[in-house]
Amino acid sequence: MPALIVCSLIPASVQAQPPKPEIDAAIKRGVSFLKTNPDYGRGGMNAFVGYTLLKAGEPPDSPFIQKCVKNILIDHNQKNDSGELIYRPGGDYNYCAGAQLMLLEALDPEKYHFEIQSTVDFLIGTQHSTGSWYYPGDSPHNGDTSITQYAILGLWAAQRAGVQIPTAVWDKAARWHLSTQLRDGGFGYHPAVPAEATAKHTMGVAGTGSLYVISMMLYPHGKAPTPKQNQSEGVKKKRFGFLEKVNLTDDSGEDEKDLFSKPTVPFDAIENGKSKGEGWVIKNYNIRKPSGWPIYYLYGLERIAALANTKTLGPHDWYADGARELLTTQRDDGSWFGAGNSPASTCLAIIFLSKATVKTLKRKYTPEPVGAGLLAGGRGLPKNLAEVQMRNGKVQNKSLTGDLSELLSQLEDPANADLEATQESLIETITLGDREKLIQQKERVLKLIEARSPDIRRTAIWALARTNDFRVAPLLINALKDPDLGVRIEARNGLCTLSRKIRGLGMPEDPLADAPENLDEKARIQIVNQWSDETTKRWQKWYLNIKPFEEKFNLYEVLNQLPMSK
């Protein structure tokens, strides 16, 4: 037995991840190489270098990054034939636009909001009717998996920056990927060109990674929407308009610019595409000699693993394998060559070693869901232990049964309720049940927002955020000033859910997440209030831009914008 243990440890030691100091030193040498060129001009490489340096830890105000930004701003001051200012990428077309969005969002999404919006408009305008992106011109094609990948990465960055991307853009991109995905789950470079339609390692990670992003944008809650009530048995019931999705366009539903249209590509279809793609990537895993650009392939692996939130891909420790390969192949001047030019390969290597996508997703802090932790570790055990169950290693009450009216009654009188179980049952009922019944209880839900118990207010906020009704946004915005910090955080997260802006307009989930533990109470209150003020300001600005037309010019708002009479 001892011999077996020793033998089993030998491969593990050989395959160990390189020490962090060695990885950090390799990144530092790569950064030094990139800086040997003082100006990367107006092409996509300029933005990609700036993005790489930011992810490697370069300060945003460094002269080098500011030079990259200056080159991008030149693209936003071009003129058309009529002499009007327009945005026109300096080179690499859609590649360039996507990389620029990645840099500007990572740098300062508020400061560069206009430039981000202009670039988004450009990318939406260059999306092919099939849902893909390609080179400029009118030559027949069926898309480019690589160019499409960078367009999607750019639009994802823009959405994090607070620019709403129409559902139709993601929907068409989903349809194109699923229609061009090979039967075994792989992807080709140019699906319409027989010689370039076969599966490649680089395109496998590109296409699969894009499906992950698309799924997150179309179905941000990780599940398909609840099916609508069957209306075939009679005239559709009149809705109260309180907890139902607002139709911001005409009734035809055919406007491709409709920001909040329902996806036409089913959630299950995208999930199946993701699963097939990831299966192909795992089955064909090859760090040493992948087909296509080797380091481009590594960046794709990093992105898939980050989006899937996994440390391994199947049995493969992708980061340890890739880091060893990169440390072995780095050249004396700090660069990597790969299968293309040195600056591009060096950027991709640094992004991989820096785990850039993990940094983008910011997974270091996850707030607890409604009602979490009340019974963890045996605290607050219910009197009737027969009603207890274990879930994920924590003690929890079994869910109550009963209709929505009964559950609301228990929340209205929390002294007679098992709050934990009632909250859980209410959440399940709203998620899986008939939303029409919730609408019929609108007055009661409104009262719950003003309940004395913070947990009940959090529950009401959670429910409103999942209605897809943008007219409830002011209620959530008002809750950003609630006396209870947990309610404020739930309101902020609820607005993210309602708007699909997963980055929260640049505001963190918890204002105290990075606060020193020894900070006194007065200082903590000041941090929280500053966070609430700024978060409220940003969401009010967002709502002003998206709220329904009939609410744009109400008399109350107009009067409050007029100067006070003397």
Protein backbone atom coordinates (compact mmCIF):
# COMPACT_ATOMS: atom_id res chain seq x y z
CA MET A 1 0.00 0.00 0.00
CA PRO A 2 2.75 2.59 0.83
CA ALA A 3 4.34 1.92 -2.57
CA LEU A 4 1.05 2.60 -4.33
CA ILE A 5 0.68 5.90 -2.50
CA VAL A 6 4.17 7.01 -3.49
CA CYS A 7 3.62 6.03 -7.11
CA SER A 8 0.32 7.85 -7.28
CA LEU A 9 1.97 11.05 -6.11
CA ILE A 10 4.69 11.08 -8.75
CA PRO A 11 2.47 12.18 -11.70
CA ALA A 12 0.83 14.82 -9.53
CA SER A 13 4.16 16.43 -8.68
CA VAL A 14 5.23 16.39 -12.33
CA GLN A 15 1.97 18.02 -13.41
CA ALA A 16 1.93 20.63 -10.63
CA GLN A 17 1.09 24.22 -11.43
CA PRO A 18 4.16 26.49 -11.65
CA PRO A 19 4.78 28.59 -8.53
CA LYS A 20 2.94 31.92 -8.50
CA PRO A 21 6.19 33.99 -8.39
CA GLU A 22 7.28 32.37 -11.67
CA ILE A 23 3.91 33.12 -13.27
CA ASP A 24 3.98 36.73 -12.04
CA ALA A 25 7.51 37.15 -13.39
CA ALA A 26 6.45 35.81 -16.80
CA ILE A 27 3.54 38.27 -16.90
CA LYS A 28 5.88 41.11 -15.97
CA ARG A 29 8.33 40.21 -18.75
CA GLY A 30 5.45 40.00 -21.22
CA VAL A 31 4.19 43.45 -20.20
CA SER A 32 7.68 44.88 -20.67
CA PHE A 33 7.80 43.44 -24.17
CA LEU A 34 4.45 45.00 -25.12
CA LYS A 35 5.69 48.40 -23.95
CA THR A 36 8.70 48.31 -26.27
CA ASN A 37 6.33 49.56 -28.97
CA PRO A 38 5.30 53.07 -27.84
CA ASP A 39 2.27 53.33 -30.16
CA TYR A 40 0.09 50.58 -31.60
CA GLY A 41 -1.89 52.95 -33.83
CA ARG A 42 -5.63 52.70 -34.52
CA GLY A 43 -6.01 48.97 -35.14
CA GLY A 44 -7.55 46.38 -32.91
CA MET A 45 -4.14 45.50 -31.48
CA ASN A 46 -4.02 48.93 -29.85
CA ALA A 47 -7.15 48.23 -27.78
CA PHE A 48 -6.16 44.62 -27.08
CA VAL A 49 -2.79 45.70 -25.70
CA GLY A 50 -4.46 48.29 -23.46
CA TYR A 51 -6.97 45.69 -22.22
CA THR A 52 -4.17 43.20 -21.54
CA LEU A 53 -2.16 45.69 -19.52
CA LEU A 54 -5.20 46.58 -17.41
CA LYS A 55 -5.84 42.91 -16.61
CA ALA A 56 -2.16 42.50 -15.76
CA GLY A 57 -2.40 45.26 -13.15
CA GLU A 58 -1.33 48.37 -15.07
CA PRO A 59 -2.98 51.46 -13.51
CA PRO A 60 -5.72 52.99 -15.70
CA ASP A 61 -4.05 56.41 -15.68
CA SER A 62 -0.70 55.12 -16.91
CA PRO A 63 0.62 57.08 -19.93
CA PHE A 64 0.76 53.89 -22.01
CA ILE A 65 -2.91 52.99 -21.50
CA GLN A 66 -3.95 56.60 -21.98
CA LYS A 67 -2.13 56.55 -25.33
CA CYS A 68 -4.20 53.50 -26.31
CA VAL A 69 -7.37 55.37 -25.33
CA LYS A 70 -6.30 58.44 -27.32
CA ASN A 71 -6.02 56.26 -30.43
CA ILE A 72 -9.51 54.88 -29.83
CA LEU A 73 -11.00 58.35 -29.45
CA ILE A 74 -9.65 59.24 -32.89
CA ASP A 75 -12.00 56.58 -34.29
CA HIS A 76 -14.93 58.41 -32.70
CA ASN A 77 -14.05 61.68 -34.44
CA GLN A 78 -14.18 60.52 -38.04
CA LYS A 79 -16.41 62.28 -40.56
CA ASN A 80 -18.73 60.89 -43.18
CA ASP A 81 -19.29 62.35 -46.66
CA SER A 82 -21.64 64.94 -45.18
CA GLY A 83 -19.06 66.14 -42.70
CA GLU A 84 -20.86 64.61 -39.71
CA LEU A 85 -18.88 63.04 -36.89
CA ILE A 86 -19.17 59.25 -36.87
CA TYR A 87 -17.44 56.24 -35.36
CA ARG A 88 -15.28 54.27 -37.77
CA PRO A 89 -12.78 51.63 -36.53
CA GLY A 90 -9.24 52.36 -37.59
CA GLY A 91 -8.45 48.79 -38.55
CA ASP A 92 -9.53 45.17 -38.17
CA TYR A 93 -13.16 46.31 -38.41
CA ASN A 94 -15.33 44.20 -36.06
CA TYR A 95 -12.28 42.77 -34.29
CA CYS A 96 -11.24 46.32 -33.50
CA ALA A 97 -14.71 47.40 -32.31
CA GLY A 98 -15.00 44.40 -29.99
CA ALA A 99 -11.57 44.92 -28.45
CA GLN A 100 -12.24 48.63 -27.97
CA LEU A 101 -15.43 47.87 -26.04
CA MET A 102 -13.51 45.46 -23.81
CA LEU A 103 -10.94 48.13 -22.97
CA LEU A 104 -13.34 51.05 -22.43
CA GLU A 105 -15.62 49.00 -20.17
CA ALA A 106 -12.68 47.74 -18.11
CA LEU A 107 -11.27 51.26 -17.91
CA ASP A 108 -14.21 53.53 -17.04
CA PRO A 109 -17.70 52.65 -18.32
CA GLU A 110 -19.22 55.88 -17.02
CA LYS A 111 -16.62 58.21 -18.54
CA TYR A 112 -16.70 56.50 -21.93
CA HIS A 113 -20.43 55.79 -22.08
CA PHE A 114 -20.89 57.77 -25.33
CA GLU A 115 -18.04 55.95 -27.06
CA ILE A 116 -19.31 52.58 -25.85
CA GLN A 117 -22.81 53.31 -27.13
CA SER A 118 -21.46 54.46 -30.53
CA THR A 119 -19.40 51.29 -30.87
CA VAL A 120 -22.38 49.14 -29.92
CA ASP A 121 -24.48 50.84 -32.60
CA PHE A 122 -21.73 50.07 -35.10
CA LEU A 123 -21.57 46.36 -34.15
CA ILE A 124 -25.34 45.98 -34.21
CA GLY A 125 -25.32 47.56 -37.66
CA THR A 126 -22.65 45.15 -38.96
CA GLN A 127 -24.31 41.99 -37.62
CA HIS A 128 -25.31 39.83 -40.56
CA SER A 129 -28.93 38.78 -40.90
CA THR A 130 -27.86 35.23 -39.99
CA GLY A 131 -26.62 36.48 -36.61
CA SER A 132 -22.89 36.35 -37.34
CA TRP A 133 -20.21 38.95 -38.00
CA TYR A 134 -17.71 39.00 -40.86
CA TYR A 135 -15.31 41.23 -42.76
CA PRO A 136 -16.60 44.41 -44.45
CA GLY A 137 -18.05 44.11 -47.92
CA ASP A 138 -20.90 42.37 -49.66
CA SER A 139 -19.20 39.09 -50.58
CA PRO A 140 -21.38 36.03 -49.89
CA HIS A 141 -20.55 34.29 -46.60
CA ASN A 142 -22.00 32.47 -43.63
CA GLY A 143 -20.08 34.21 -40.90
CA ASP A 144 -16.72 33.95 -39.17
CA THR A 145 -16.59 32.17 -35.80
CA SER A 146 -13.56 34.15 -34.65
CA ILE A 147 -14.81 37.60 -35.62
CA THR A 148 -18.21 36.76 -34.18
CA GLN A 149 -16.52 35.79 -30.91
CA TYR A 150 -14.92 39.23 -30.53
CA ALA A 151 -18.14 41.03 -31.45
CA ILE A 152 -19.90 39.07 -28.71
CA LEU A 153 -17.13 39.76 -26.19
CA GLY A 154 -17.43 43.45 -27.00
CA LEU A 155 -21.22 43.51 -26.68
CA TRP A 156 -20.98 41.61 -23.41
CA ALA A 157 -18.58 44.28 -22.14
CA ALA A 158 -21.01 46.99 -23.26
CA GLN A 159 -23.89 45.32 -21.42
CA ARG A 160 -21.75 45.26 -18.26
CA ALA A 161 -21.11 48.94 -18.83
CA GLY A 162 -24.83 49.69 -18.72
CA VAL A 163 -25.65 49.76 -22.45
CA GLN A 164 -28.69 47.57 -23.12
CA ILE A 165 -28.20 45.24 -26.09
CA PRO A 166 -31.46 44.33 -27.89
CA THR A 167 -32.57 40.77 -27.21
CA ALA A 168 -32.76 40.17 -30.97
CA VAL A 169 -28.99 40.64 -31.32
CA TRP A 170 -28.23 37.84 -28.84
CA ASP A 171 -31.10 35.75 -30.20
CA LYS A 172 -29.80 35.83 -33.77
CA ALA A 173 -26.26 35.09 -32.57
CA ALA A 174 -27.56 32.06 -30.67
CA ARG A 175 -29.37 30.76 -33.75
CA TRP A 176 -26.27 31.17 -35.93
CA HIS A 177 -24.03 29.29 -33.50
CA LEU A 178 -26.45 26.41 -33.13
CA SER A 179 -26.97 26.18 -36.90
CA THR A 180 -23.23 26.13 -37.65
CA GLN A 181 -22.13 23.90 -34.77
CA LEU A 182 -20.89 20.56 -36.07
CA ARG A 183 -22.66 17.35 -35.10
CA ASP A 184 -19.87 16.34 -32.71
CA GLY A 185 -20.08 19.73 -30.93
CA GLY A 186 -17.08 21.39 -32.59
CA PHE A 187 -16.95 24.59 -34.64
CA GLY A 188 -15.24 25.54 -37.89
CA TYR A 189 -13.67 28.84 -38.89
CA HIS A 190 -15.80 29.76 -41.93
CA PRO A 191 -18.85 27.44 -42.06
CA ALA A 192 -19.60 28.26 -45.71
CA VAL A 193 -16.10 27.35 -46.95
CA PRO A 194 -15.61 23.55 -47.07
CA ALA A 195 -11.86 23.79 -46.48
CA GLU A 196 -12.39 25.96 -43.38
CA ALA A 197 -15.56 24.40 -42.00
CA THR A 198 -13.90 21.47 -40.23
CA ALA A 199 -13.52 21.54 -36.45
CA LYS A 200 -10.51 23.35 -35.02
CA HIS A 201 -9.38 23.65 -31.42
CA THR A 202 -9.38 27.44 -31.60
CA MET A 203 -12.86 27.62 -33.07
CA GLY A 204 -14.18 25.00 -30.64
CA VAL A 205 -13.32 27.18 -27.65
CA ALA A 206 -14.46 30.33 -29.48
CA GLY A 207 -17.89 29.01 -30.42
CA THR A 208 -18.50 27.32 -27.07
CA GLY A 209 -17.40 30.39 -25.14
CA SER A 210 -19.72 32.56 -27.21
CA LEU A 211 -22.65 30.25 -26.42
CA TYR A 212 -21.89 30.65 -22.71
CA VAL A 213 -22.04 34.45 -23.03
CA ILE A 214 -25.17 34.38 -25.17
CA SER A 215 -26.95 32.08 -22.71
CA MET A 216 -26.06 34.42 -19.85
CA MET A 217 -27.45 37.40 -21.74
CA LEU A 218 -30.67 35.77 -22.97
CA TYR A 219 -31.38 33.78 -19.81
CA PRO A 220 -29.61 35.63 -16.99
CA HIS A 221 -31.23 33.55 -14.24
CA GLY A 222 -29.89 30.31 -15.64
CA LYS A 223 -33.30 28.92 -16.47
CA ALA A 224 -35.95 29.15 -19.15
CA PRO A 225 -38.74 31.69 -18.56
CA THR A 226 -41.94 30.37 -16.99
CA PRO A 227 -44.40 29.46 -19.79
CA LYS A 228 -47.21 31.96 -20.25
CA GLN A 229 -50.73 31.04 -19.28
CA ASN A 230 -52.71 29.32 -22.03
CA GLN A 231 -54.99 31.94 -23.57
CA SER A 232 -56.78 29.64 -26.00
CA GLU A 233 -59.81 29.12 -23.76
CA GLY A 234 -61.19 32.60 -24.04
CA VAL A 235 -60.48 36.30 -24.06
CA LYS A 236 -57.24 37.26 -22.37
CA LYS A 237 -57.83 38.62 -18.88
CA LYS A 238 -57.28 42.28 -18.27
CA ARG A 239 -54.01 42.74 -16.42
CA PHE A 240 -53.49 45.17 -13.59
CA GLY A 241 -50.16 46.29 -15.05
CA PHE A 242 -48.41 46.05 -11.72
CA LEU A 243 -46.32 42.90 -11.90
CA GLU A 244 -46.44 42.18 -15.63
CA LYS A 245 -43.77 42.87 -18.22
CA VAL A 246 -44.20 46.23 -19.95
CA ASN A 247 -44.50 46.19 -23.72
CA LEU A 248 -42.35 49.13 -24.76
CA THR A 249 -43.04 48.70 -28.48
CA ASP A 250 -46.05 48.05 -30.68
CA ASP A 251 -48.04 44.84 -30.41
CA SER A 252 -46.55 43.28 -33.53
CA GLY A 253 -43.45 42.12 -31.69
CA GLU A 254 -41.51 42.22 -34.97
CA ASP A 255 -39.21 45.14 -34.20
CA GLU A 256 -35.68 43.75 -34.06
CA LYS A 257 -34.61 46.72 -31.98
CA ASP A 258 -37.04 45.80 -29.18
CA LEU A 259 -34.78 45.76 -26.16
CA PHE A 260 -36.96 43.49 -24.09
CA SER A 261 -38.43 41.05 -26.60
CA LYS A 262 -38.75 37.40 -25.67
CA PRO A 263 -35.97 35.12 -27.02
CA THR A 264 -37.04 32.83 -29.84
CA VAL A 265 -34.19 30.36 -29.32
CA PRO A 266 -35.19 28.04 -26.45
CA PHE A 267 -33.05 27.91 -23.33
CA ASP A 268 -32.71 24.12 -23.61
CA ALA A 269 -31.36 24.42 -27.16
CA ILE A 270 -28.59 26.78 -26.06
CA GLU A 271 -27.78 24.59 -23.06
CA ASN A 272 -27.53 21.58 -25.36
CA GLY A 273 -25.17 23.52 -27.64
CA LYS A 274 -23.02 24.51 -24.66
CA SER A 275 -22.90 20.93 -23.42
CA LYS A 276 -21.95 19.56 -26.85
CA GLY A 277 -19.31 22.26 -27.28
CA GLU A 278 -17.77 21.69 -23.87
CA GLY A 279 -17.83 17.94 -24.49
CA TRP A 280 -15.91 18.45 -27.74
CA VAL A 281 -13.37 20.70 -25.99
CA ILE A 282 -12.77 18.12 -23.23
CA LYS A 283 -12.58 15.17 -25.62
CA ASN A 284 -10.13 16.97 -27.94
CA TYR A 285 -8.11 18.70 -25.22
CA ASN A 286 -4.59 19.39 -26.56
CA ILE A 287 -2.31 21.99 -24.98
CA ARG A 288 0.86 21.21 -26.92
CA LYS A 289 -0.33 21.08 -30.53
CA PRO A 290 -3.88 22.36 -30.99
CA SER A 291 -5.16 23.11 -34.48
CA GLY A 292 -5.02 26.87 -35.04
CA TRP A 293 -3.28 29.44 -32.85
CA PRO A 294 -2.04 27.65 -29.72
CA ILE A 295 -2.24 30.65 -27.38
CA TYR A 296 -5.56 31.81 -28.84
CA TYR A 297 -6.75 28.34 -27.85
CA LEU A 298 -5.50 28.83 -24.27
CA TYR A 299 -7.41 32.10 -23.92
CA GLY A 300 -10.56 30.29 -25.08
CA LEU A 301 -10.04 27.57 -22.46
CA GLU A 302 -9.66 30.20 -19.74
CA ARG A 303 -12.88 31.90 -20.75
CA ILE A 304 -14.94 28.69 -20.88
CA ALA A 305 -13.65 27.55 -17.48
CA ALA A 306 -14.39 30.96 -15.95
CA LEU A 307 -17.90 31.14 -17.40
CA ALA A 308 -18.59 27.55 -16.34
CA ASN A 309 -17.09 28.36 -12.91
CA THR A 310 -14.93 25.23 -12.91
CA LYS A 311 -11.31 24.64 -11.95
CA THR A 312 -10.93 21.74 -14.36
CA LEU A 313 -12.28 20.83 -17.76
CA GLY A 314 -13.19 17.19 -17.34
CA PRO A 315 -10.06 15.57 -15.90
CA HIS A 316 -7.80 18.33 -17.21
CA ASP A 317 -6.22 21.02 -15.04
CA TRP A 318 -6.30 23.54 -17.86
CA TYR A 319 -4.53 26.34 -15.97
CA ALA A 320 -1.65 24.24 -14.68
CA ASP A 321 -1.14 22.70 -18.12
CA GLY A 322 -1.34 26.03 -19.94
CA ALA A 323 0.87 27.89 -17.46
CA ARG A 324 3.61 25.24 -17.75
CA GLU A 325 3.46 25.44 -21.53
CA LEU A 326 3.64 29.23 -21.56
CA LEU A 327 6.52 29.43 -19.09
CA THR A 328 8.41 26.94 -21.24
CA THR A 329 7.81 28.76 -24.53
CA GLN A 330 8.28 32.41 -23.45
CA ARG A 331 11.14 33.95 -25.41
CA ASP A 332 14.11 35.85 -23.99
CA ASP A 333 12.60 39.25 -24.79
CA GLY A 334 9.47 38.38 -22.79
CA SER A 335 7.25 37.73 -25.80
CA TRP A 336 5.40 34.68 -27.08
CA PHE A 337 5.17 33.84 -30.75
CA GLY A 338 2.46 31.18 -31.05
CA ALA A 339 1.33 30.85 -34.64
CA GLY A 340 0.96 34.57 -35.37
CA ASN A 341 2.54 37.92 -34.60
CA SER A 342 4.30 38.39 -31.27
CA PRO A 343 2.19 41.23 -29.78
CA ALA A 344 -1.08 39.33 -30.28
CA SER A 345 0.32 36.07 -28.91
CA THR A 346 1.86 37.89 -25.96
CA CYS A 347 -1.45 39.57 -25.13
CA LEU A 348 -3.27 36.23 -25.24
CA ALA A 349 -0.64 34.60 -23.01
CA ILE A 350 -0.82 37.37 -20.41
CA ILE A 351 -4.63 37.29 -20.42
CA PHE A 352 -4.52 33.54 -19.82
CA LEU A 353 -1.94 33.72 -17.02
CA SER A 354 -3.81 36.64 -15.41
CA LYS A 355 -7.15 34.73 -15.52
CA ALA A 356 -8.71 37.84 -17.05
CA THR A 357 -12.24 36.44 -17.39
CA VAL A 358 -12.36 35.47 -13.72
CA LYS A 359 -11.43 39.08 -12.89
CA THR A 360 -14.17 40.31 -15.22
CA LEU A 361 -16.77 38.14 -13.50
CA LYS A 362 -15.60 39.33 -10.06
CA ARG A 363 -16.58 36.18 -8.20
CA LYS A 364 -14.80 37.03 -4.94
CA TYR A 365 -18.05 38.02 -3.16
CA THR A 366 -21.53 36.55 -3.50
CA PRO A 367 -24.33 37.98 -1.32
CA GLU A 368 -26.57 35.54 0.48
CA PRO A 369 -29.98 34.87 -1.06
CA VAL A 370 -33.19 35.79 0.68
CA GLY A 371 -33.46 34.02 4.03
CA ALA A 372 -30.03 32.38 3.77
CA GLY A 373 -28.09 31.63 6.92
CA LEU A 374 -30.95 31.86 9.42
CA LEU A 375 -30.79 28.16 10.20
CA ALA A 376 -27.18 27.42 9.16
CA GLY A 377 -25.13 25.64 11.78
CA GLY A 378 -28.18 24.81 13.87
CA ARG A 379 -29.07 28.42 14.73
CA GLY A 380 -32.79 29.03 15.09
CA LEU A 381 -33.81 25.39 14.90
CA PRO A 382 -37.59 24.99 14.63
CA LYS A 383 -39.45 23.45 17.51
CA ASN A 384 -40.76 20.56 15.42
CA LEU A 385 -37.64 18.70 14.26
CA ALA A 386 -39.79 16.42 12.09
CA GLU A 387 -40.21 19.39 9.78
CA VAL A 388 -36.44 19.74 9.28
CA GLN A 389 -34.47 18.67 6.23
CA MET A 390 -30.81 18.97 5.19
CA ARG A 391 -29.81 20.84 2.04
CA ASN A 392 -26.21 21.48 0.95
CA GLY A 393 -25.05 20.61 4.46
CA LYS A 394 -27.34 23.14 6.15
CA VAL A 395 -30.37 22.65 8.32
CA GLN A 396 -33.54 23.99 6.71
CA ASN A 397 -37.28 23.76 7.22
CA LYS A 398 -39.36 21.81 4.77
CA SER A 399 -41.28 24.03 2.39
CA LEU A 400 -44.84 24.85 3.33
CA THR A 401 -47.70 23.92 1.09
CA GLY A 402 -50.55 26.22 0.23
CA ASP A 403 -51.53 28.84 -2.28
CA LEU A 404 -50.07 32.30 -2.72
CA SER A 405 -52.80 33.95 -0.67
CA GLU A 406 -51.99 31.74 2.32
CA LEU A 407 -48.28 32.45 2.07
CA LEU A 408 -48.87 36.20 1.88
CA SER A 409 -51.11 35.94 4.92
CA GLN A 410 -48.25 34.37 6.87
CA LEU A 411 -45.87 37.13 5.83
CA GLU A 412 -48.44 39.74 6.83
CA ASP A 413 -48.45 38.25 10.33
CA PRO A 414 -44.85 37.07 10.82
CA ALA A 415 -45.46 36.32 14.51
CA ASN A 416 -47.56 33.35 13.42
CA ALA A 417 -45.27 32.22 10.63
CA ASP A 418 -42.10 30.20 10.19
CA LEU A 419 -40.39 32.97 8.25
CA GLU A 420 -37.67 30.84 6.69
CA ALA A 421 -40.06 28.23 5.29
CA THR A 422 -42.62 30.83 4.24
CA GLN A 423 -40.02 32.80 2.28
CA GLU A 424 -38.78 29.67 0.54
CA SER A 425 -42.27 28.55 -0.40
CA LEU A 426 -43.23 31.99 -1.63
CA ILE A 427 -40.14 32.16 -3.84
CA GLU A 428 -40.89 28.73 -5.32
CA THR A 429 -44.54 29.66 -5.86
CA ILE A 430 -43.65 32.86 -7.70
CA THR A 431 -40.91 31.18 -9.75
CA LEU A 432 -42.91 28.15 -10.81
CA GLY A 433 -46.53 29.25 -10.46
CA ASP A 434 -49.09 31.32 -12.28
CA ARG A 435 -48.04 34.97 -12.33
CA GLU A 436 -51.66 36.04 -12.86
CA LYS A 437 -52.39 35.05 -9.26
CA LEU A 438 -49.58 37.27 -8.05
CA ILE A 439 -51.02 40.22 -9.97
CA GLN A 440 -54.34 39.71 -8.21
CA GLN A 441 -52.54 40.20 -4.89
CA LYS A 442 -50.87 43.48 -5.88
CA GLU A 443 -52.16 45.58 -2.99
CA ARG A 444 -50.89 43.05 -0.46
CA VAL A 445 -47.45 42.90 -2.08
CA LEU A 446 -47.25 46.70 -1.99
CA LYS A 447 -47.86 46.64 1.74
CA LEU A 448 -45.13 44.06 2.24
CA ILE A 449 -42.59 46.49 0.82
CA GLU A 450 -43.31 48.67 3.85
CA ALA A 451 -43.29 45.82 6.40
CA ARG A 452 -41.49 46.32 9.68
CA SER A 453 -39.39 43.18 9.18
CA PRO A 454 -36.36 43.70 6.87
CA ASP A 455 -36.56 40.04 5.78
CA ILE A 456 -40.13 40.51 4.59
CA ARG A 457 -39.17 43.68 2.72
CA ARG A 458 -36.31 41.75 1.09
CA THR A 459 -38.74 39.04 0.04
CA ALA A 460 -41.07 41.58 -1.56
CA ILE A 461 -38.14 43.22 -3.38
CA TRP A 462 -36.98 39.82 -4.64
CA ALA A 463 -40.44 39.04 -6.01
CA LEU A 464 -40.84 42.37 -7.79
CA ALA A 465 -37.46 42.05 -9.45
CA ARG A 466 -38.53 38.85 -11.19
CA THR A 467 -41.69 40.20 -12.80
CA ASN A 468 -40.03 41.60 -15.95
CA ASP A 469 -42.15 44.72 -15.37
CA PHE A 470 -39.94 47.76 -15.70
CA ARG A 471 -42.59 49.92 -14.06
CA VAL A 472 -41.70 48.44 -10.67
CA ALA A 473 -38.16 49.81 -11.01
CA PRO A 474 -38.94 53.01 -9.01
CA LEU A 475 -39.96 50.85 -6.05
CA LEU A 476 -36.62 49.07 -6.17
CA ILE A 477 -34.74 52.34 -6.60
CA ASN A 478 -36.49 53.78 -3.54
CA ALA A 479 -35.45 50.68 -1.58
CA LEU A 480 -31.80 51.59 -2.17
CA LYS A 481 -32.31 54.01 0.73
CA ASP A 482 -33.99 51.47 3.03
CA PRO A 483 -32.84 51.62 6.69
CA ASP A 484 -31.61 48.02 6.42
CA LEU A 485 -28.44 47.34 4.41
CA GLY A 486 -29.66 43.86 3.42
CA VAL A 487 -32.74 45.38 1.81
CA ARG A 488 -30.58 47.90 -0.04
CA ILE A 489 -28.37 45.13 -1.41
CA GLU A 490 -31.42 43.07 -2.41
CA ALA A 491 -32.80 46.15 -4.22
CA ARG A 492 -29.53 46.68 -6.07
CA ASN A 493 -29.38 42.99 -7.06
CA GLY A 494 -33.05 43.10 -8.01
CA LEU A 495 -32.43 46.00 -10.38
CA CYS A 496 -29.59 44.00 -11.94
CA THR A 497 -31.98 41.09 -12.46
CA LEU A 498 -34.77 43.27 -13.84
CA SER A 499 -32.49 45.16 -16.25
CA ARG A 500 -30.09 42.30 -17.10
CA LYS A 501 -27.20 44.56 -16.15
CA ILE A 502 -25.15 42.03 -14.23
CA ARG A 503 -22.48 44.58 -13.29
CA GLY A 504 -24.96 46.84 -11.52
CA LEU A 505 -24.00 49.97 -13.51
CA GLY A 506 -20.52 49.70 -12.04
CA MET A 507 -21.59 49.70 -8.39
CA PRO A 508 -20.48 46.79 -6.15
CA GLU A 509 -22.96 44.39 -4.61
CA ASP A 510 -21.93 45.11 -1.04
CA PRO A 511 -20.46 48.50 -0.05
CA LEU A 512 -18.67 46.92 2.92
CA ALA A 513 -17.22 43.90 1.09
CA ASP A 514 -13.74 45.46 0.97
CA ALA A 515 -13.99 47.60 4.13
CA PRO A 516 -11.38 46.93 6.85
CA GLU A 517 -12.72 44.78 9.68
CA ASN A 518 -11.55 47.26 12.32
CA LEU A 519 -13.45 50.18 10.77
CA ASP A 520 -15.61 52.01 13.32
CA GLU A 521 -19.39 52.17 12.99
CA LYS A 522 -19.49 55.83 11.95
CA ALA A 523 -17.10 55.23 9.06
CA ARG A 524 -19.05 52.14 7.95
CA ILE A 525 -22.31 54.09 7.92
CA GLN A 526 -20.66 56.81 5.83
CA ILE A 527 -19.44 54.23 3.27
CA VAL A 528 -22.89 52.66 3.05
CA ASN A 529 -24.65 56.01 2.62
CA GLN A 530 -22.23 57.12 -0.10
CA TRP A 531 -22.80 53.81 -1.89
CA SER A 532 -26.59 54.24 -1.59
CA ASP A 533 -26.48 57.81 -2.92
CA GLU A 534 -24.34 56.92 -5.94
CA THR A 535 -26.23 53.68 -6.67
CA THR A 536 -29.55 55.54 -6.53
CA LYS A 537 -28.24 58.25 -8.84
CA ARG A 538 -27.09 55.76 -11.47
CA TRP A 539 -30.29 53.68 -11.45
CA GLN A 540 -32.47 56.79 -11.61
CA LYS A 541 -30.54 57.86 -14.71
CA TRP A 542 -31.02 54.37 -16.21
CA TYR A 543 -34.76 54.39 -15.54
CA LEU A 544 -35.17 57.85 -17.05
CA ASN A 545 -33.82 56.44 -20.32
CA ILE A 546 -35.96 53.28 -20.48
CA LYS A 547 -39.24 54.08 -18.79
CA PRO A 548 -42.42 53.89 -20.88
CA PHE A 549 -43.28 56.88 -23.05
CA GLU A 550 -46.50 57.65 -21.21
CA GLU A 551 -44.49 58.19 -18.03
CA LYS A 552 -41.84 60.39 -19.62
CA PHE A 553 -43.61 63.70 -19.23
CA ASN A 554 -45.95 63.44 -16.29
CA LEU A 555 -46.93 66.75 -14.72
CA TYR A 556 -45.27 66.01 -11.39
CA GLU A 557 -41.90 65.46 -13.07
CA VAL A 558 -42.17 68.57 -15.23
CA LEU A 559 -43.10 70.79 -12.29
CA ASN A 560 -40.18 69.50 -10.27
CA GLN A 561 -37.77 70.35 -13.08
CA LEU A 562 -38.97 73.98 -13.32
CA PRO A 563 -37.12 76.66 -11.30
CA MET A 564 -38.80 77.65 -8.06
CA SER A 565 -40.83 80.89 -8.33
CA LYS A 566 -39.63 83.72 -6.14
